[in-house]
Amino acid sequence: MLAIGFALAAVIGLSLGLLGGGGSILTVPVLVYVLGYAAKPAIAMSLPIVGITSLIGAALHWRRGNVRVGMAFTFGVFAMIGAFVGAKLSALLSGGVQLALLALVMSAAAASMLRSRNDLGSSASWHPGLLILVAFGVGVLTGLVGIGGGFLVVPALVLLAHVPMRQAVGTSLLVISMNAASGFAGYVGAVAVDWTFLARFTAATVAGALAGTALVSRVPQSALKRGFAVFLFAVGGFVLYMNRDVFHAGPASVSSPSATPATRAAAARETAR
């Protein structure tokens, strides 16, 4: 299982390097369901894994001129504020509702990108106030669904800030690294971290990110956009299927939306620890 876990780590990095998102969706499930970590340590370790990999990917994209640094910091700061608010609001929702919301947002973003027929170049105009509002909204959704938000940042930059797809991918990586650093700071001292494993897993994701970043320049923007949309639909559909019980039955299914054997086993391990 360890070999499979590290192979999936490379896939996580590839998705971050090529698509500008997806790693934060995949990292926690791999750590919990494949490698057997309890939920809280898995979430804590996923943040530096995704953050470091995203930062390296952003640096490579920056060398290629695919990172808008000013926009990334503007978006990132307000997204971080929104994420804090969203995290507080998440206490009002069950886990099943949050995951169902995640799936619906992913599907909506994918549909929007498939409907967008024209790439908007970097010369297109955008309003800073709109960018700040979108960043805050994306941050709120990120806090509610509990992931990094790259799959939300990219379509927001493409569709609302008029950023070309390749630049949106590179810029989103810098935003993800900012959010991951802030999130991990909240876990330091509160959760035990396996630093040796963390370093090895991160190295595998970095290798995948290097490959993904190299492939970006060889893929046409239209194909990259379609591929990203298909990726969102696939993962969103899987998450929605796994949490389908929230749309029917009573409170029990809402409070325990992901009560599969794997999640029950993970919960048992967490309780034992």
C-alpha atoms as a PDB file:
ATOM      1  CA  MET A   1       0.000   0.000   0.000  1.00  0.00           C
ATOM      2  CA  LEU A   2       2.915   2.331   0.651  1.00  0.00           C
ATOM      3  CA  ALA A   3       4.062   2.031  -2.977  1.00  0.00           C
ATOM      4  CA  ILE A   4       0.538   2.795  -4.190  1.00  0.00           C
ATOM      5  CA  GLY A   5       0.393   5.776  -1.859  1.00  0.00           C
ATOM      6  CA  PHE A   6       3.601   7.263  -3.237  1.00  0.00           C
ATOM      7  CA  ALA A   7       2.458   6.624  -6.810  1.00  0.00           C
ATOM      8  CA  LEU A   8      -0.716   8.547  -6.021  1.00  0.00           C
ATOM      9  CA  ALA A   9       1.449  11.282  -4.489  1.00  0.00           C
ATOM     10  CA  ALA A  10       3.022  11.750  -7.924  1.00  0.00           C
ATOM     11  CA  VAL A  11      -0.485  11.967  -9.430  1.00  0.00           C
ATOM     12  CA  ILE A  12      -1.371  14.654  -6.889  1.00  0.00           C
ATOM     13  CA  GLY A  13       1.665  16.655  -7.946  1.00  0.00           C
ATOM     14  CA  LEU A  14       0.858  16.129 -11.622  1.00  0.00           C
ATOM     15  CA  SER A  15      -2.640  17.524 -11.123  1.00  0.00           C
ATOM     16  CA  LEU A  16      -1.258  20.553  -9.331  1.00  0.00           C
ATOM     17  CA  GLY A  17       1.382  21.233 -11.961  1.00  0.00           C
ATOM     18  CA  LEU A  18      -0.838  20.623 -14.973  1.00  0.00           C
ATOM     19  CA  LEU A  19      -4.229  21.834 -13.780  1.00  0.00           C
ATOM     20  CA  GLY A  20      -3.459  24.261 -10.968  1.00  0.00           C
ATOM     21  CA  GLY A  21      -5.680  22.344  -8.579  1.00  0.00           C
ATOM     22  CA  GLY A  22      -6.888  18.913  -7.555  1.00  0.00           C
ATOM     23  CA  GLY A  23      -4.074  18.026  -5.183  1.00  0.00           C
ATOM     24  CA  SER A  24      -5.896  19.203  -2.105  1.00  0.00           C
ATOM     25  CA  ILE A  25      -8.868  17.065  -3.155  1.00  0.00           C
ATOM     26  CA  LEU A  26      -6.762  13.931  -3.499  1.00  0.00           C
ATOM     27  CA  THR A  27      -4.224  14.257  -0.687  1.00  0.00           C
ATOM     28  CA  VAL A  28      -6.418  13.631   2.358  1.00  0.00           C
ATOM     29  CA  PRO A  29      -8.243  10.607   0.863  1.00  0.00           C
ATOM     30  CA  VAL A  30      -4.890   9.051  -0.089  1.00  0.00           C
ATOM     31  CA  LEU A  31      -3.464   9.604   3.390  1.00  0.00           C
ATOM     32  CA  VAL A  32      -6.590   8.230   5.110  1.00  0.00           C
ATOM     33  CA  TYR A  33      -7.898   5.461   2.835  1.00  0.00           C
ATOM     34  CA  VAL A  34      -4.652   4.242   1.251  1.00  0.00           C
ATOM     35  CA  LEU A  35      -2.009   4.926   3.906  1.00  0.00           C
ATOM     36  CA  GLY A  36      -4.163   4.533   7.017  1.00  0.00           C
ATOM     37  CA  TYR A  37      -3.644   7.879   8.757  1.00  0.00           C
ATOM     38  CA  ALA A  38      -6.373   9.259  10.993  1.00  0.00           C
ATOM     39  CA  ALA A  39      -8.347  12.214   9.663  1.00  0.00           C
ATOM     40  CA  LYS A  40      -6.806  15.022  11.719  1.00  0.00           C
ATOM     41  CA  PRO A  41      -3.125  14.147  11.096  1.00  0.00           C
ATOM     42  CA  ALA A  42      -3.974  13.561   7.429  1.00  0.00           C
ATOM     43  CA  ILE A  43      -5.549  16.995   7.073  1.00  0.00           C
ATOM     44  CA  ALA A  44      -2.649  18.649   8.882  1.00  0.00           C
ATOM     45  CA  MET A  45      -0.013  16.892   6.752  1.00  0.00           C
ATOM     46  CA  SER A  46      -1.883  17.544   3.510  1.00  0.00           C
ATOM     47  CA  LEU A  47      -1.386  21.292   3.925  1.00  0.00           C
ATOM     48  CA  PRO A  48       2.451  21.395   3.724  1.00  0.00           C
ATOM     49  CA  ILE A  49       2.389  18.668   1.066  1.00  0.00           C
ATOM     50  CA  VAL A  50       0.102  20.675  -1.193  1.00  0.00           C
ATOM     51  CA  GLY A  51       1.582  24.020  -0.154  1.00  0.00           C
ATOM     52  CA  ILE A  52       5.227  23.141  -0.861  1.00  0.00           C
ATOM     53  CA  THR A  53       4.382  21.392  -4.115  1.00  0.00           C
ATOM     54  CA  SER A  54       2.234  24.305  -5.244  1.00  0.00           C
ATOM     55  CA  LEU A  55       4.947  26.823  -4.368  1.00  0.00           C
ATOM     56  CA  ILE A  56       7.529  24.938  -6.444  1.00  0.00           C
ATOM     57  CA  GLY A  57       5.066  24.652  -9.299  1.00  0.00           C
ATOM     58  CA  ALA A  58       4.310  28.376  -9.040  1.00  0.00           C
ATOM     59  CA  ALA A  59       8.026  29.194  -9.217  1.00  0.00           C
ATOM     60  CA  LEU A  60       8.377  27.155 -12.400  1.00  0.00           C
ATOM     61  CA  HIS A  61       5.312  28.799 -13.916  1.00  0.00           C
ATOM     62  CA  TRP A  62       6.682  32.216 -12.917  1.00  0.00           C
ATOM     63  CA  ARG A  63       9.879  31.537 -14.900  1.00  0.00           C
ATOM     64  CA  ARG A  64       7.652  30.884 -17.913  1.00  0.00           C
ATOM     65  CA  GLY A  65       5.726  34.117 -17.346  1.00  0.00           C
ATOM     66  CA  ASN A  66       2.576  32.294 -16.219  1.00  0.00           C
ATOM     67  CA  VAL A  67       2.134  33.864 -12.764  1.00  0.00           C
ATOM     68  CA  ARG A  68       0.547  37.214 -12.095  1.00  0.00           C
ATOM     69  CA  VAL A  69       2.175  37.860  -8.727  1.00  0.00           C
ATOM     70  CA  GLY A  70       0.195  40.990  -7.843  1.00  0.00           C
ATOM     71  CA  MET A  71      -3.099  39.315  -8.630  1.00  0.00           C
ATOM     72  CA  ALA A  72      -2.075  36.193  -6.719  1.00  0.00           C
ATOM     73  CA  PHE A  73      -1.348  38.149  -3.538  1.00  0.00           C
ATOM     74  CA  THR A  74      -4.508  40.245  -3.862  1.00  0.00           C
ATOM     75  CA  PHE A  75      -6.611  37.164  -4.490  1.00  0.00           C
ATOM     76  CA  GLY A  76      -4.752  35.134  -1.866  1.00  0.00           C
ATOM     77  CA  VAL A  77      -5.090  37.627   0.993  1.00  0.00           C
ATOM     78  CA  PHE A  78      -8.819  38.098   0.557  1.00  0.00           C
ATOM     79  CA  ALA A  79      -9.370  34.398  -0.102  1.00  0.00           C
ATOM     80  CA  MET A  80      -7.613  33.622   3.189  1.00  0.00           C
ATOM     81  CA  ILE A  81      -9.932  36.028   5.008  1.00  0.00           C
ATOM     82  CA  GLY A  82     -12.939  34.422   3.342  1.00  0.00           C
ATOM     83  CA  ALA A  83     -11.656  30.947   4.162  1.00  0.00           C
ATOM     84  CA  PHE A  84     -11.480  31.852   7.862  1.00  0.00           C
ATOM     85  CA  VAL A  85     -15.085  33.064   7.769  1.00  0.00           C
ATOM     86  CA  GLY A  86     -16.159  29.960   5.837  1.00  0.00           C
ATOM     87  CA  ALA A  87     -14.429  27.689   8.346  1.00  0.00           C
ATOM     88  CA  LYS A  88     -16.415  29.318  11.160  1.00  0.00           C
ATOM     89  CA  LEU A  89     -19.651  28.947   9.194  1.00  0.00           C
ATOM     90  CA  SER A  90     -18.903  25.280   8.548  1.00  0.00           C
ATOM     91  CA  ALA A  91     -19.807  24.523  12.168  1.00  0.00           C
ATOM     92  CA  LEU A  92     -23.432  25.155  11.163  1.00  0.00           C
ATOM     93  CA  LEU A  93     -23.384  22.404   8.500  1.00  0.00           C
ATOM     94  CA  SER A  94     -23.056  18.637   8.682  1.00  0.00           C
ATOM     95  CA  GLY A  95     -20.134  16.963   6.994  1.00  0.00           C
ATOM     96  CA  GLY A  96     -22.439  15.460   4.374  1.00  0.00           C
ATOM     97  CA  VAL A  97     -23.895  18.813   3.415  1.00  0.00           C
ATOM     98  CA  GLN A  98     -20.386  20.284   3.089  1.00  0.00           C
ATOM     99  CA  LEU A  99     -19.243  17.471   0.806  1.00  0.00           C
ATOM    100  CA  ALA A 100     -22.404  17.699  -1.288  1.00  0.00           C
ATOM    101  CA  LEU A 101     -21.828  21.456  -1.587  1.00  0.00           C
ATOM    102  CA  LEU A 102     -18.278  20.754  -2.719  1.00  0.00           C
ATOM    103  CA  ALA A 103     -19.498  18.415  -5.438  1.00  0.00           C
ATOM    104  CA  LEU A 104     -22.112  20.882  -6.688  1.00  0.00           C
ATOM    105  CA  VAL A 105     -19.638  23.785  -6.793  1.00  0.00           C
ATOM    106  CA  MET A 106     -17.129  21.672  -8.713  1.00  0.00           C
ATOM    107  CA  SER A 107     -19.780  20.635 -11.229  1.00  0.00           C
ATOM    108  CA  ALA A 108     -20.971  24.232 -11.663  1.00  0.00           C
ATOM    109  CA  ALA A 109     -17.406  25.442 -12.253  1.00  0.00           C
ATOM    110  CA  ALA A 110     -16.819  22.694 -14.815  1.00  0.00           C
ATOM    111  CA  ALA A 111     -20.032  23.529 -16.659  1.00  0.00           C
ATOM    112  CA  SER A 112     -19.110  27.209 -16.738  1.00  0.00           C
ATOM    113  CA  MET A 113     -15.703  26.482 -18.232  1.00  0.00           C
ATOM    114  CA  LEU A 114     -17.174  24.190 -20.885  1.00  0.00           C
ATOM    115  CA  ARG A 115     -19.677  26.892 -21.870  1.00  0.00           C
ATOM    116  CA  SER A 116     -16.919  29.511 -22.190  1.00  0.00           C
ATOM    117  CA  ARG A 117     -16.036  29.316 -25.873  1.00  0.00           C
ATOM    118  CA  ASN A 118     -13.451  32.071 -26.098  1.00  0.00           C
ATOM    119  CA  ASP A 119     -10.184  32.431 -24.202  1.00  0.00           C
ATOM    120  CA  LEU A 120      -9.924  35.928 -22.778  1.00  0.00           C
ATOM    121  CA  GLY A 121      -6.405  37.269 -23.128  1.00  0.00           C
ATOM    122  CA  SER A 122      -4.392  39.158 -20.534  1.00  0.00           C
ATOM    123  CA  SER A 123      -5.367  42.437 -22.190  1.00  0.00           C
ATOM    124  CA  ALA A 124      -8.983  42.014 -21.145  1.00  0.00           C
ATOM    125  CA  SER A 125     -10.110  44.491 -18.528  1.00  0.00           C
ATOM    126  CA  TRP A 126     -11.052  43.555 -14.978  1.00  0.00           C
ATOM    127  CA  HIS A 127     -12.091  45.547 -11.952  1.00  0.00           C
ATOM    128  CA  PRO A 128     -10.079  45.192  -8.705  1.00  0.00           C
ATOM    129  CA  GLY A 129     -13.232  45.430  -6.614  1.00  0.00           C
ATOM    130  CA  LEU A 130     -14.768  42.495  -8.470  1.00  0.00           C
ATOM    131  CA  LEU A 131     -11.597  40.470  -8.026  1.00  0.00           C
ATOM    132  CA  ILE A 132     -11.607  41.097  -4.262  1.00  0.00           C
ATOM    133  CA  LEU A 133     -15.279  40.139  -4.012  1.00  0.00           C
ATOM    134  CA  VAL A 134     -14.715  36.945  -5.988  1.00  0.00           C
ATOM    135  CA  ALA A 135     -11.613  36.098  -3.933  1.00  0.00           C
ATOM    136  CA  PHE A 136     -13.544  36.484  -0.694  1.00  0.00           C
ATOM    137  CA  GLY A 137     -16.405  34.358  -2.040  1.00  0.00           C
ATOM    138  CA  VAL A 138     -14.024  31.645  -3.204  1.00  0.00           C
ATOM    139  CA  GLY A 139     -12.374  31.741   0.216  1.00  0.00           C
ATOM    140  CA  VAL A 140     -15.733  31.306   1.966  1.00  0.00           C
ATOM    141  CA  LEU A 141     -16.525  28.278  -0.191  1.00  0.00           C
ATOM    142  CA  THR A 142     -13.022  26.925   0.425  1.00  0.00           C
ATOM    143  CA  GLY A 143     -13.533  27.212   4.174  1.00  0.00           C
ATOM    144  CA  LEU A 144     -16.940  25.545   3.949  1.00  0.00           C
ATOM    145  CA  VAL A 145     -15.769  22.534   1.945  1.00  0.00           C
ATOM    146  CA  GLY A 146     -12.408  22.213   3.706  1.00  0.00           C
ATOM    147  CA  ILE A 147      -9.960  22.012   0.783  1.00  0.00           C
ATOM    148  CA  GLY A 148      -7.328  24.255  -0.820  1.00  0.00           C
ATOM    149  CA  GLY A 149      -9.579  25.678  -3.508  1.00  0.00           C
ATOM    150  CA  GLY A 150      -7.418  25.487  -6.629  1.00  0.00           C
ATOM    151  CA  PHE A 151     -10.331  24.086  -8.616  1.00  0.00           C
ATOM    152  CA  LEU A 152     -12.267  27.237  -7.676  1.00  0.00           C
ATOM    153  CA  VAL A 153      -9.425  29.730  -8.144  1.00  0.00           C
ATOM    154  CA  VAL A 154      -8.662  28.720 -11.736  1.00  0.00           C
ATOM    155  CA  PRO A 155     -12.187  29.136 -13.158  1.00  0.00           C
ATOM    156  CA  ALA A 156     -12.649  32.346 -11.143  1.00  0.00           C
ATOM    157  CA  LEU A 157      -9.490  33.826 -12.648  1.00  0.00           C
ATOM    158  CA  VAL A 158     -10.390  32.643 -16.158  1.00  0.00           C
ATOM    159  CA  LEU A 159     -14.073  33.574 -16.221  1.00  0.00           C
ATOM    160  CA  LEU A 160     -14.253  36.621 -13.950  1.00  0.00           C
ATOM    161  CA  ALA A 161     -10.748  38.128 -13.906  1.00  0.00           C
ATOM    162  CA  HIS A 162     -10.166  37.380 -17.618  1.00  0.00           C
ATOM    163  CA  VAL A 163      -6.837  35.616 -17.031  1.00  0.00           C
ATOM    164  CA  PRO A 164      -5.641  33.218 -19.780  1.00  0.00           C
ATOM    165  CA  MET A 165      -5.788  29.581 -18.726  1.00  0.00           C
ATOM    166  CA  ARG A 166      -2.036  28.998 -18.404  1.00  0.00           C
ATOM    167  CA  GLN A 167      -1.589  32.117 -16.261  1.00  0.00           C
ATOM    168  CA  ALA A 168      -4.615  31.142 -14.166  1.00  0.00           C
ATOM    169  CA  VAL A 169      -2.988  27.759 -13.472  1.00  0.00           C
ATOM    170  CA  GLY A 170       0.316  29.309 -12.393  1.00  0.00           C
ATOM    171  CA  THR A 171      -1.347  32.057 -10.350  1.00  0.00           C
ATOM    172  CA  SER A 172      -3.624  29.579  -8.575  1.00  0.00           C
ATOM    173  CA  LEU A 173      -0.591  27.586  -7.400  1.00  0.00           C
ATOM    174  CA  LEU A 174       0.751  30.629  -5.563  1.00  0.00           C
ATOM    175  CA  VAL A 175      -2.667  31.257  -4.008  1.00  0.00           C
ATOM    176  CA  ILE A 176      -2.874  27.616  -2.860  1.00  0.00           C
ATOM    177  CA  SER A 177       0.567  27.809  -1.238  1.00  0.00           C
ATOM    178  CA  MET A 178      -0.493  30.911   0.713  1.00  0.00           C
ATOM    179  CA  ASN A 179      -3.675  29.258   1.980  1.00  0.00           C
ATOM    180  CA  ALA A 180      -1.862  26.032   2.862  1.00  0.00           C
ATOM    181  CA  ALA A 181       0.794  27.865   4.899  1.00  0.00           C
ATOM    182  CA  SER A 182      -1.857  29.744   6.834  1.00  0.00           C
ATOM    183  CA  GLY A 183      -3.860  26.587   7.489  1.00  0.00           C
ATOM    184  CA  PHE A 184      -0.881  24.524   8.632  1.00  0.00           C
ATOM    185  CA  ALA A 185       0.121  27.239  11.109  1.00  0.00           C
ATOM    186  CA  GLY A 186      -3.147  26.540  12.905  1.00  0.00           C
ATOM    187  CA  TYR A 187      -2.268  22.855  13.310  1.00  0.00           C
ATOM    188  CA  VAL A 188       1.313  23.226  14.571  1.00  0.00           C
ATOM    189  CA  GLY A 189       1.514  21.981  18.163  1.00  0.00           C
ATOM    190  CA  ALA A 190      -2.036  20.616  18.108  1.00  0.00           C
ATOM    191  CA  VAL A 191      -1.546  17.522  15.914  1.00  0.00           C
ATOM    192  CA  ALA A 192       1.353  15.062  15.786  1.00  0.00           C
ATOM    193  CA  VAL A 193       3.099  15.158  12.416  1.00  0.00           C
ATOM    194  CA  ASP A 194       5.169  12.328  10.931  1.00  0.00           C
ATOM    195  CA  TRP A 195       7.917  14.571   9.516  1.00  0.00           C
ATOM    196  CA  THR A 196       9.945  11.786   7.864  1.00  0.00           C
ATOM    197  CA  PHE A 197       6.957  10.445   5.969  1.00  0.00           C
ATOM    198  CA  LEU A 198       5.859  13.992   5.199  1.00  0.00           C
ATOM    199  CA  ALA A 199       9.200  14.763   3.534  1.00  0.00           C
ATOM    200  CA  ARG A 200       9.099  11.595   1.408  1.00  0.00           C
ATOM    201  CA  PHE A 201       5.495  12.064   0.315  1.00  0.00           C
ATOM    202  CA  THR A 202       6.135  15.719  -0.510  1.00  0.00           C
ATOM    203  CA  ALA A 203       9.158  14.747  -2.629  1.00  0.00           C
ATOM    204  CA  ALA A 204       6.928  12.451  -4.684  1.00  0.00           C
ATOM    205  CA  THR A 205       4.326  15.175  -5.209  1.00  0.00           C
ATOM    206  CA  VAL A 206       7.046  17.643  -6.217  1.00  0.00           C
ATOM    207  CA  ALA A 207       8.280  15.182  -8.855  1.00  0.00           C
ATOM    208  CA  GLY A 208       4.763  14.951 -10.234  1.00  0.00           C
ATOM    209  CA  ALA A 209       4.398  18.726 -10.213  1.00  0.00           C
ATOM    210  CA  LEU A 210       7.626  19.122 -12.202  1.00  0.00           C
ATOM    211  CA  ALA A 211       6.254  16.768 -14.848  1.00  0.00           C
ATOM    212  CA  GLY A 212       2.891  18.535 -14.905  1.00  0.00           C
ATOM    213  CA  THR A 213       4.458  21.968 -15.243  1.00  0.00           C
ATOM    214  CA  ALA A 214       6.590  20.780 -18.155  1.00  0.00           C
ATOM    215  CA  LEU A 215       3.505  19.427 -19.924  1.00  0.00           C
ATOM    216  CA  VAL A 216       1.509  22.659 -19.619  1.00  0.00           C
ATOM    217  CA  SER A 217       3.422  24.395 -22.421  1.00  0.00           C
ATOM    218  CA  ARG A 218       2.742  21.463 -24.749  1.00  0.00           C
ATOM    219  CA  VAL A 219      -1.029  21.329 -24.278  1.00  0.00           C
ATOM    220  CA  PRO A 220      -3.293  23.750 -26.205  1.00  0.00           C
ATOM    221  CA  GLN A 221      -5.262  26.074 -23.920  1.00  0.00           C
ATOM    222  CA  SER A 222      -8.613  24.837 -25.231  1.00  0.00           C
ATOM    223  CA  ALA A 223      -7.668  21.217 -24.524  1.00  0.00           C
ATOM    224  CA  LEU A 224      -6.322  22.191 -21.101  1.00  0.00           C
ATOM    225  CA  LYS A 225      -9.597  23.901 -20.249  1.00  0.00           C
ATOM    226  CA  ARG A 226     -11.678  20.924 -21.395  1.00  0.00           C
ATOM    227  CA  GLY A 227      -9.456  18.537 -19.484  1.00  0.00           C
ATOM    228  CA  PHE A 228      -9.779  20.598 -16.337  1.00  0.00           C
ATOM    229  CA  ALA A 229     -13.580  20.695 -16.706  1.00  0.00           C
ATOM    230  CA  VAL A 230     -13.747  16.910 -17.194  1.00  0.00           C
ATOM    231  CA  PHE A 231     -11.553  16.461 -14.124  1.00  0.00           C
ATOM    232  CA  LEU A 232     -13.934  18.611 -12.077  1.00  0.00           C
ATOM    233  CA  PHE A 233     -16.983  16.705 -13.309  1.00  0.00           C
ATOM    234  CA  ALA A 234     -15.406  13.332 -12.543  1.00  0.00           C
ATOM    235  CA  VAL A 235     -14.302  14.165  -9.006  1.00  0.00           C
ATOM    236  CA  GLY A 236     -17.484  16.125  -8.291  1.00  0.00           C
ATOM    237  CA  GLY A 237     -19.638  13.223  -9.440  1.00  0.00           C
ATOM    238  CA  PHE A 238     -17.719  10.793  -7.251  1.00  0.00           C
ATOM    239  CA  VAL A 239     -18.013  13.014  -4.168  1.00  0.00           C
ATOM    240  CA  LEU A 240     -21.727  13.564  -4.818  1.00  0.00           C
ATOM    241  CA  TYR A 241     -22.307   9.825  -5.195  1.00  0.00           C
ATOM    242  CA  MET A 242     -20.470   9.062  -1.972  1.00  0.00           C
ATOM    243  CA  ASN A 243     -22.670  11.559  -0.112  1.00  0.00           C
ATOM    244  CA  ARG A 244     -25.965  10.918  -1.887  1.00  0.00           C
ATOM    245  CA  ASP A 245     -27.716  10.123   1.407  1.00  0.00           C
ATOM    246  CA  VAL A 246     -27.905  13.824   2.330  1.00  0.00           C
ATOM    247  CA  PHE A 247     -30.601  14.304  -0.316  1.00  0.00           C
ATOM    248  CA  HIS A 248     -33.001  11.866   1.342  1.00  0.00           C
ATOM    249  CA  ALA A 249     -33.679  10.139   4.660  1.00  0.00           C
ATOM    250  CA  GLY A 250     -33.349  11.761   8.053  1.00  0.00           C
ATOM    251  CA  PRO A 251     -30.849  13.382  10.399  1.00  0.00           C
ATOM    252  CA  ALA A 252     -28.813  10.226  10.853  1.00  0.00           C
ATOM    253  CA  SER A 253     -27.737  10.148   7.230  1.00  0.00           C
ATOM    254  CA  VAL A 254     -26.999  13.862   7.252  1.00  0.00           C
ATOM    255  CA  SER A 255     -24.758  13.728  10.275  1.00  0.00           C
ATOM    256  CA  SER A 256     -22.895  10.676   8.992  1.00  0.00           C
ATOM    257  CA  PRO A 257     -22.831  11.093   5.210  1.00  0.00           C
ATOM    258  CA  SER A 258     -19.664   9.181   4.581  1.00  0.00           C
ATOM    259  CA  ALA A 259     -20.219   6.215   6.877  1.00  0.00           C
ATOM    260  CA  THR A 260     -18.551   3.726   4.563  1.00  0.00           C
ATOM    261  CA  PRO A 261     -16.478   0.859   5.975  1.00  0.00           C
ATOM    262  CA  ALA A 262     -13.322   2.796   5.154  1.00  0.00           C
ATOM    263  CA  THR A 263     -14.436   5.915   6.988  1.00  0.00           C
ATOM    264  CA  ARG A 264     -15.659   3.913   9.944  1.00  0.00           C
ATOM    265  CA  ALA A 265     -12.252   2.210  10.111  1.00  0.00           C
ATOM    266  CA  ALA A 266     -10.487   5.568   9.921  1.00  0.00           C
ATOM    267  CA  ALA A 267     -12.700   6.883  12.706  1.00  0.00           C
ATOM    268  CA  ALA A 268     -11.905   3.853  14.817  1.00  0.00           C
ATOM    269  CA  ARG A 269      -8.173   4.388  14.315  1.00  0.00           C
ATOM    270  CA  GLU A 270      -8.523   8.029  15.257  1.00  0.00           C
ATOM    271  CA  THR A 271     -10.422   7.133  18.426  1.00  0.00           C
ATOM    272  CA  ALA A 272      -7.821   4.528  19.344  1.00  0.00           C
ATOM    273  CA  ARG A 273      -5.038   7.086  18.966  1.00  0.00           C
END
